[in-house]
N, C-alpha and C. Protein backbone atom coordinates (compact mmCIF):
# COMPACT_ATOMS: atom_id res chain seq x y z
N UNK A 1 0.81 -1.08 0.00
CA UNK A 1 -0.06 -0.08 -0.01
C UNK A 1 0.80 1.22 -0.04
N UNK A 2 0.62 2.17 -0.93
CA UNK A 2 1.32 3.40 -1.01
C UNK A 2 0.97 4.31 0.22
N UNK A 3 2.02 5.22 0.57
CA UNK A 3 1.85 5.94 1.99
C UNK A 3 0.56 6.99 1.62
N UNK A 4 0.32 7.52 0.47
CA UNK A 4 -0.59 8.26 0.29
C UNK A 4 -2.25 7.65 -0.02
N UNK A 5 -2.03 6.43 0.27
CA UNK A 5 -3.64 5.79 -0.09
C UNK A 5 -4.38 5.89 1.59
N UNK A 6 -5.70 6.10 1.38
CA UNK A 6 -6.39 6.55 2.56
C UNK A 6 -6.82 4.81 3.03
N UNK A 7 -6.55 4.84 4.41
CA UNK A 7 -6.88 3.34 4.91
C UNK A 7 -8.23 3.71 5.56
N UNK A 8 -8.97 2.67 4.99
CA UNK A 8 -10.44 2.64 5.56
C UNK A 8 -10.53 2.65 6.96
N UNK A 9 -11.42 3.35 7.73
CA UNK A 9 -11.50 3.32 9.03
C UNK A 9 -12.60 2.14 9.36
N UNK A 10 -12.08 0.98 10.01
CA UNK A 10 -12.98 -0.15 10.32
C UNK A 10 -13.63 0.03 11.58
N UNK A 11 -12.98 0.80 12.47
CA UNK A 11 -14.16 1.09 13.93
C UNK A 11 -14.19 2.71 14.01
N UNK A 12 -15.26 2.81 14.72
CA UNK A 12 -15.79 4.31 14.99
C UNK A 12 -15.35 4.67 16.39
N UNK A 13 -14.47 3.81 17.11
CA UNK A 13 -13.95 4.15 18.32
C UNK A 13 -13.88 5.68 18.92
N UNK A 14 -13.20 6.25 18.10
CA UNK A 14 -12.71 7.84 18.36
C UNK A 14 -14.02 8.57 18.40
N UNK A 15 -14.85 8.38 17.38
CA UNK A 15 -16.08 9.00 17.22
C UNK A 15 -17.03 8.73 18.36
N UNK A 16 -17.21 7.58 18.51
CA UNK A 16 -17.86 7.17 20.11
C UNK A 16 -17.59 7.76 21.24
N UNK A 17 -16.19 7.89 21.50
CA UNK A 17 -15.57 8.30 22.58
C UNK A 17 -16.01 10.01 22.84
N UNK A 18 -16.03 10.60 21.52
CA UNK A 18 -16.22 11.94 21.73
C UNK A 18 -17.74 12.24 22.06
N UNK A 19 -18.71 11.53 21.17
CA UNK A 19 -19.92 11.49 21.63
C UNK A 19 -20.45 11.29 22.86
N UNK A 20 -19.71 10.30 23.54
CA UNK A 20 -20.01 10.00 24.81
C UNK A 20 -19.38 10.84 26.05
N UNK A 21 -18.36 11.73 25.41
CA UNK A 21 -17.61 12.72 26.27
C UNK A 21 -16.58 11.85 27.21
N UNK A 22 -16.14 10.94 26.55
CA UNK A 22 -15.09 10.07 27.24
C UNK A 22 -13.73 10.21 26.47
N UNK A 23 -12.71 9.96 27.33
CA UNK A 23 -11.26 10.00 26.79
C UNK A 23 -10.67 8.65 26.51
N UNK A 24 -9.57 8.67 25.94
CA UNK A 24 -9.03 7.36 25.39
C UNK A 24 -8.41 6.65 26.98
N UNK A 25 -7.97 7.77 27.88
CA UNK A 25 -7.32 7.41 28.96
C UNK A 25 -8.48 6.83 29.88
N UNK A 26 -9.71 7.41 29.76
CA UNK A 26 -10.76 6.70 30.81
C UNK A 26 -10.99 5.23 30.26
N UNK A 27 -11.05 4.96 28.83
CA UNK A 27 -11.36 3.82 28.40
C UNK A 27 -10.20 2.84 28.71
N UNK A 28 -8.98 3.25 28.50
CA UNK A 28 -7.92 2.32 28.96
C UNK A 28 -8.08 1.81 30.48
N UNK A 29 -8.29 2.73 31.34
CA UNK A 29 -8.44 2.61 32.80
C UNK A 29 -9.56 1.59 32.97
N UNK A 30 -10.69 1.77 32.32
CA UNK A 30 -11.99 0.81 32.30
C UNK A 30 -11.44 -0.76 31.80
N UNK A 31 -10.83 -0.66 30.71
CA UNK A 31 -10.56 -2.09 30.09
C UNK A 31 -9.11 -2.61 30.67
N UNK A 32 -8.27 -1.82 31.07
CA UNK A 32 -7.26 -2.46 31.76
C UNK A 32 -5.95 -2.47 30.68
N UNK A 33 -6.29 -1.64 29.79
CA UNK A 33 -5.23 -1.49 28.68
C UNK A 33 -4.41 -0.25 28.64
N UNK A 34 -3.26 -0.20 27.98
CA UNK A 34 -2.38 1.20 28.00
C UNK A 34 -3.20 2.09 26.92
N UNK A 35 -2.82 3.52 27.21
CA UNK A 35 -3.52 4.53 26.65
C UNK A 35 -3.03 4.28 25.14
N UNK A 36 -1.81 3.66 24.72
CA UNK A 36 -0.98 3.48 23.47
C UNK A 36 -2.12 2.52 22.69
N UNK A 37 -2.56 1.52 23.52
CA UNK A 37 -3.20 0.55 22.70
C UNK A 37 -4.52 1.04 22.22
N UNK A 38 -5.18 1.92 23.19
CA UNK A 38 -6.59 2.68 22.76
C UNK A 38 -6.31 3.54 21.80
N UNK A 39 -5.26 4.20 21.65
CA UNK A 39 -4.62 5.32 20.68
C UNK A 39 -4.81 4.74 19.34
N UNK A 40 -4.04 3.43 19.34
CA UNK A 40 -3.85 2.62 17.95
C UNK A 40 -5.22 2.29 17.52
N UNK A 41 -6.22 1.82 18.21
CA UNK A 41 -7.51 1.40 17.86
C UNK A 41 -8.11 2.75 17.48
N UNK A 42 -8.27 3.94 18.25
CA UNK A 42 -8.99 5.02 17.63
C UNK A 42 -8.36 5.45 16.45
N UNK A 43 -7.12 5.21 16.11
CA UNK A 43 -6.57 5.77 14.84
C UNK A 43 -6.58 4.80 13.66
N UNK A 44 -7.42 3.58 14.10
CA UNK A 44 -7.60 2.32 12.95
C UNK A 44 -6.20 1.62 12.55
N UNK A 45 -5.06 1.97 13.18
CA UNK A 45 -3.95 1.47 13.23
C UNK A 45 -3.94 -0.04 13.44
N UNK A 46 -4.70 -0.47 14.43
CA UNK A 46 -4.80 -1.80 14.71
C UNK A 46 -6.41 -1.85 15.14
N UNK A 47 -6.81 -3.09 15.33
CA UNK A 47 -8.29 -3.31 15.69
C UNK A 47 -8.57 -4.27 16.87
N UNK A 48 -9.34 -3.72 17.63
CA UNK A 48 -9.72 -4.72 18.67
C UNK A 48 -10.62 -5.89 18.35
N UNK A 49 -10.23 -7.11 19.12
CA UNK A 49 -10.93 -8.16 18.74
C UNK A 49 -12.46 -8.15 19.11
N UNK A 50 -13.16 -8.87 18.54
CA UNK A 50 -14.50 -9.12 18.77
C UNK A 50 -14.80 -9.04 20.39
N UNK A 51 -14.21 -9.67 20.85
CA UNK A 51 -14.45 -9.82 22.51
C UNK A 51 -14.10 -8.36 23.12
N UNK A 52 -13.02 -7.82 22.70
CA UNK A 52 -12.78 -6.39 22.98
C UNK A 52 -13.87 -5.32 22.73
N UNK A 53 -14.07 -5.54 21.47
CA UNK A 53 -15.18 -4.58 20.98
C UNK A 53 -16.59 -4.71 21.90
N UNK A 54 -17.03 -5.98 22.25
CA UNK A 54 -17.93 -6.32 23.27
C UNK A 54 -17.82 -5.72 24.47
N UNK A 55 -16.72 -5.74 24.95
CA UNK A 55 -16.18 -4.84 26.35
C UNK A 55 -16.49 -3.59 26.42
N UNK A 56 -15.80 -2.77 25.03
CA UNK A 56 -15.94 -1.59 24.80
C UNK A 56 -17.33 -1.01 24.95
N UNK A 57 -18.03 -1.69 24.13
CA UNK A 57 -19.91 -1.44 24.09
C UNK A 57 -20.24 -1.57 25.41
N UNK A 58 -19.93 -2.53 26.22
CA UNK A 58 -20.51 -2.63 27.66
C UNK A 58 -20.03 -1.69 28.46
N UNK A 59 -18.82 -1.15 28.45
CA UNK A 59 -18.38 -0.13 29.45
C UNK A 59 -18.89 1.30 28.79
N UNK A 60 -19.23 1.52 27.62
CA UNK A 60 -19.69 2.76 27.18
C UNK A 60 -21.33 2.43 27.03
N UNK A 61 -21.82 1.57 27.39
CA UNK A 61 -23.20 1.13 27.42
C UNK A 61 -23.92 1.58 26.00
N UNK A 62 -23.39 0.97 25.09
CA UNK A 62 -23.93 1.16 23.72
C UNK A 62 -23.95 -0.03 22.93
N UNK A 63 -24.61 -0.28 22.01
CA UNK A 63 -24.76 -1.38 21.01
C UNK A 63 -23.48 -1.53 20.32
N UNK A 64 -22.82 -2.95 20.40
CA UNK A 64 -21.52 -2.99 19.66
C UNK A 64 -21.40 -2.72 18.39
N UNK A 65 -22.62 -2.61 17.59
CA UNK A 65 -22.61 -2.35 16.37
C UNK A 65 -22.34 -0.93 15.89
N UNK A 66 -22.57 -0.05 16.79
CA UNK A 66 -22.35 1.19 16.56
C UNK A 66 -20.60 1.46 16.66
N UNK A 67 -20.02 0.52 16.93
CA UNK A 67 -18.62 0.82 17.03
C UNK A 67 -17.76 0.38 15.84
N UNK A 68 -18.67 -0.16 14.83
CA UNK A 68 -18.13 -0.59 13.62
C UNK A 68 -18.61 0.18 12.43
N UNK A 69 -17.96 0.62 11.59
CA UNK A 69 -18.27 1.32 10.41
C UNK A 69 -18.83 0.18 9.34
N UNK A 70 -20.06 0.49 8.83
CA UNK A 70 -20.74 -0.34 7.80
C UNK A 70 -19.69 -0.56 6.46
N UNK A 71 -19.72 -1.52 5.92
CA UNK A 71 -18.99 -1.96 4.70
C UNK A 71 -19.58 -0.93 3.56
N UNK A 72 -18.92 -0.76 2.53
CA UNK A 72 -19.28 -0.16 1.11
C UNK A 72 -20.48 -0.88 0.81
N UNK A 73 -20.63 -2.07 0.86
CA UNK A 73 -21.59 -3.07 0.22
C UNK A 73 -22.98 -2.51 1.10
N UNK A 74 -22.64 -2.44 2.48
CA UNK A 74 -23.93 -2.16 3.27
C UNK A 74 -24.47 -1.01 2.80
N UNK A 75 -23.75 0.25 2.73
CA UNK A 75 -23.98 1.55 2.06
C UNK A 75 -24.71 1.57 0.65
N UNK A 76 -24.39 0.63 -0.23
CA UNK A 76 -24.80 0.53 -1.67
C UNK A 76 -26.19 -0.09 -1.32
N UNK A 77 -26.34 -0.88 -0.30
CA UNK A 77 -27.79 -1.64 -0.38
C UNK A 77 -28.80 -0.81 0.50
N UNK A 78 -28.40 0.38 0.90
CA UNK A 78 -29.37 1.41 1.52
C UNK A 78 -30.15 2.34 0.54
């Protein structure tokens, strides 16, 4: 992949944290993870596992589906 290619954001964690008024530090404390790990998830450099997404949704009191960006196919079906 070339450096100028846009990487598709797979998760919406950064957006959801802002919507909930929570910080990555707060989430790291809740999950027992480092802020670096949460930062990498928020930047979509790495992705949390399904189990981790479920735990994130639990602590944020949201539906896990709101943490995942729909695929392009799902956009086209709507």
